[in-house]
């Protein structure tokens, strides 16, 4: 059975790819990251929650942009922070 998708995920009309494969905030701090996520509303690239700084989640809290996609090669999934909903594509 396929999980029910939230309105934020079903409302996407296109997917935004990462313009860069770096977390600018981590670079500015001299830190590293584990994985990258790309905001589907504005294209911001931030590090994941397994990373020390959790910049993707901080971006959601600051902007309320709810959906990110993995920016990792070979990964094709979306996450909605607001509804805690996951979808593969």
C-alpha atoms as a PDB file:
ATOM      1  CA  UNK A   1       0.000   0.000   0.000  1.00  0.00           C
ATOM      2  CA  UNK A   2       1.347   3.406  -1.023  1.00  0.00           C
ATOM      3  CA  UNK A   3       1.382   5.987   1.816  1.00  0.00           C
ATOM      4  CA  UNK A   4      -0.870   9.002   1.374  1.00  0.00           C
ATOM      5  CA  UNK A   5       1.085  12.000   0.116  1.00  0.00           C
ATOM      6  CA  UNK A   6       0.574  15.429   1.626  1.00  0.00           C
ATOM      7  CA  UNK A   7      -0.587  18.444  -0.373  1.00  0.00           C
ATOM      8  CA  UNK A   8       2.940  19.896  -0.374  1.00  0.00           C
ATOM      9  CA  UNK A   9       4.276  16.847  -2.222  1.00  0.00           C
ATOM     10  CA  UNK A  10       1.349  16.402  -4.601  1.00  0.00           C
ATOM     11  CA  UNK A  11       1.383  20.136  -5.354  1.00  0.00           C
ATOM     12  CA  UNK A  12       4.898  20.122  -6.822  1.00  0.00           C
ATOM     13  CA  UNK A  13       4.785  20.808 -10.554  1.00  0.00           C
ATOM     14  CA  UNK A  14       8.538  20.408 -11.108  1.00  0.00           C
ATOM     15  CA  UNK A  15      11.606  19.328  -9.154  1.00  0.00           C
ATOM     16  CA  UNK A  16      14.487  21.671  -8.414  1.00  0.00           C
ATOM     17  CA  UNK A  17      17.981  20.216  -8.727  1.00  0.00           C
ATOM     18  CA  UNK A  18      20.911  21.364  -6.624  1.00  0.00           C
ATOM     19  CA  UNK A  19      22.771  24.236  -8.285  1.00  0.00           C
ATOM     20  CA  UNK A  20      25.822  23.330  -6.226  1.00  0.00           C
ATOM     21  CA  UNK A  21      26.916  20.222  -4.390  1.00  0.00           C
ATOM     22  CA  UNK A  22      28.150  22.025  -1.311  1.00  0.00           C
ATOM     23  CA  UNK A  23      26.563  23.395   1.837  1.00  0.00           C
ATOM     24  CA  UNK A  24      27.530  27.086   1.717  1.00  0.00           C
ATOM     25  CA  UNK A  25      26.850  27.556   5.432  1.00  0.00           C
ATOM     26  CA  UNK A  26      29.155  24.656   6.347  1.00  0.00           C
ATOM     27  CA  UNK A  27      31.860  25.974   4.020  1.00  0.00           C
ATOM     28  CA  UNK A  28      31.633  29.402   5.671  1.00  0.00           C
ATOM     29  CA  UNK A  29      32.064  27.736   9.083  1.00  0.00           C
ATOM     30  CA  UNK A  30      34.921  25.527   7.906  1.00  0.00           C
ATOM     31  CA  UNK A  31      32.797  22.433   8.610  1.00  0.00           C
ATOM     32  CA  UNK A  32      31.923  19.376   6.550  1.00  0.00           C
ATOM     33  CA  UNK A  33      28.600  17.641   5.917  1.00  0.00           C
ATOM     34  CA  UNK A  34      27.285  14.104   5.497  1.00  0.00           C
ATOM     35  CA  UNK A  35      24.560  14.527   2.828  1.00  0.00           C
ATOM     36  CA  UNK A  36      22.905  17.431   1.038  1.00  0.00           C
ATOM     37  CA  UNK A  37      19.248  18.403   0.593  1.00  0.00           C
ATOM     38  CA  UNK A  38      17.764  20.901  -1.871  1.00  0.00           C
ATOM     39  CA  UNK A  39      14.760  23.070  -1.005  1.00  0.00           C
ATOM     40  CA  UNK A  40      12.042  22.618  -3.590  1.00  0.00           C
ATOM     41  CA  UNK A  41      10.732  26.155  -3.156  1.00  0.00           C
ATOM     42  CA  UNK A  42      13.895  28.263  -3.488  1.00  0.00           C
ATOM     43  CA  UNK A  43      16.755  25.884  -4.383  1.00  0.00           C
ATOM     44  CA  UNK A  44      18.718  26.373  -1.150  1.00  0.00           C
ATOM     45  CA  UNK A  45      21.205  23.525  -0.626  1.00  0.00           C
ATOM     46  CA  UNK A  46      21.809  22.553   2.979  1.00  0.00           C
ATOM     47  CA  UNK A  47      23.278  19.685   4.945  1.00  0.00           C
ATOM     48  CA  UNK A  48      21.150  16.860   6.349  1.00  0.00           C
ATOM     49  CA  UNK A  49      20.240  16.076   9.957  1.00  0.00           C
ATOM     50  CA  UNK A  50      23.083  13.550  10.184  1.00  0.00           C
ATOM     51  CA  UNK A  51      25.433  16.505   9.660  1.00  0.00           C
ATOM     52  CA  UNK A  52      26.642  18.569  12.602  1.00  0.00           C
ATOM     53  CA  UNK A  53      24.893  21.799  11.565  1.00  0.00           C
ATOM     54  CA  UNK A  54      21.584  20.528  10.098  1.00  0.00           C
ATOM     55  CA  UNK A  55      21.330  23.488   7.726  1.00  0.00           C
ATOM     56  CA  UNK A  56      18.487  22.036   5.613  1.00  0.00           C
ATOM     57  CA  UNK A  57      16.253  21.749   8.680  1.00  0.00           C
ATOM     58  CA  UNK A  58      17.344  25.183   9.910  1.00  0.00           C
ATOM     59  CA  UNK A  59      16.366  26.554   6.485  1.00  0.00           C
ATOM     60  CA  UNK A  60      12.875  25.042   6.889  1.00  0.00           C
ATOM     61  CA  UNK A  61      12.457  26.588  10.353  1.00  0.00           C
ATOM     62  CA  UNK A  62      13.606  30.000   9.091  1.00  0.00           C
ATOM     63  CA  UNK A  63      11.544  30.049   5.880  1.00  0.00           C
ATOM     64  CA  UNK A  64       8.743  27.486   6.320  1.00  0.00           C
ATOM     65  CA  UNK A  65       9.652  26.047   2.882  1.00  0.00           C
ATOM     66  CA  UNK A  66       8.330  22.529   3.554  1.00  0.00           C
ATOM     67  CA  UNK A  67       9.796  20.201   0.891  1.00  0.00           C
ATOM     68  CA  UNK A  68      13.375  19.079   0.257  1.00  0.00           C
ATOM     69  CA  UNK A  69      14.819  16.535  -2.133  1.00  0.00           C
ATOM     70  CA  UNK A  70      17.974  14.553  -1.700  1.00  0.00           C
ATOM     71  CA  UNK A  71      20.850  16.103  -3.623  1.00  0.00           C
ATOM     72  CA  UNK A  72      22.814  12.849  -3.437  1.00  0.00           C
ATOM     73  CA  UNK A  73      23.619  11.018  -6.692  1.00  0.00           C
ATOM     74  CA  UNK A  74      21.335   8.019  -7.187  1.00  0.00           C
ATOM     75  CA  UNK A  75      18.833   9.095  -4.513  1.00  0.00           C
ATOM     76  CA  UNK A  76      15.386  10.094  -5.752  1.00  0.00           C
ATOM     77  CA  UNK A  77      13.200  11.079  -2.833  1.00  0.00           C
ATOM     78  CA  UNK A  78      11.351  14.013  -1.290  1.00  0.00           C
ATOM     79  CA  UNK A  79      10.618  14.891   2.330  1.00  0.00           C
ATOM     80  CA  UNK A  80       7.998  17.276   3.655  1.00  0.00           C
ATOM     81  CA  UNK A  81       9.098  18.731   6.991  1.00  0.00           C
ATOM     82  CA  UNK A  82       5.683  20.138   7.806  1.00  0.00           C
ATOM     83  CA  UNK A  83       3.746  16.899   7.340  1.00  0.00           C
ATOM     84  CA  UNK A  84       6.649  14.493   7.948  1.00  0.00           C
ATOM     85  CA  UNK A  85       5.856  12.753   4.665  1.00  0.00           C
ATOM     86  CA  UNK A  86       8.348  10.852   2.479  1.00  0.00           C
ATOM     87  CA  UNK A  87       7.997  10.030  -1.220  1.00  0.00           C
ATOM     88  CA  UNK A  88      10.260   8.359  -3.757  1.00  0.00           C
ATOM     89  CA  UNK A  89      10.136   9.431  -7.400  1.00  0.00           C
END
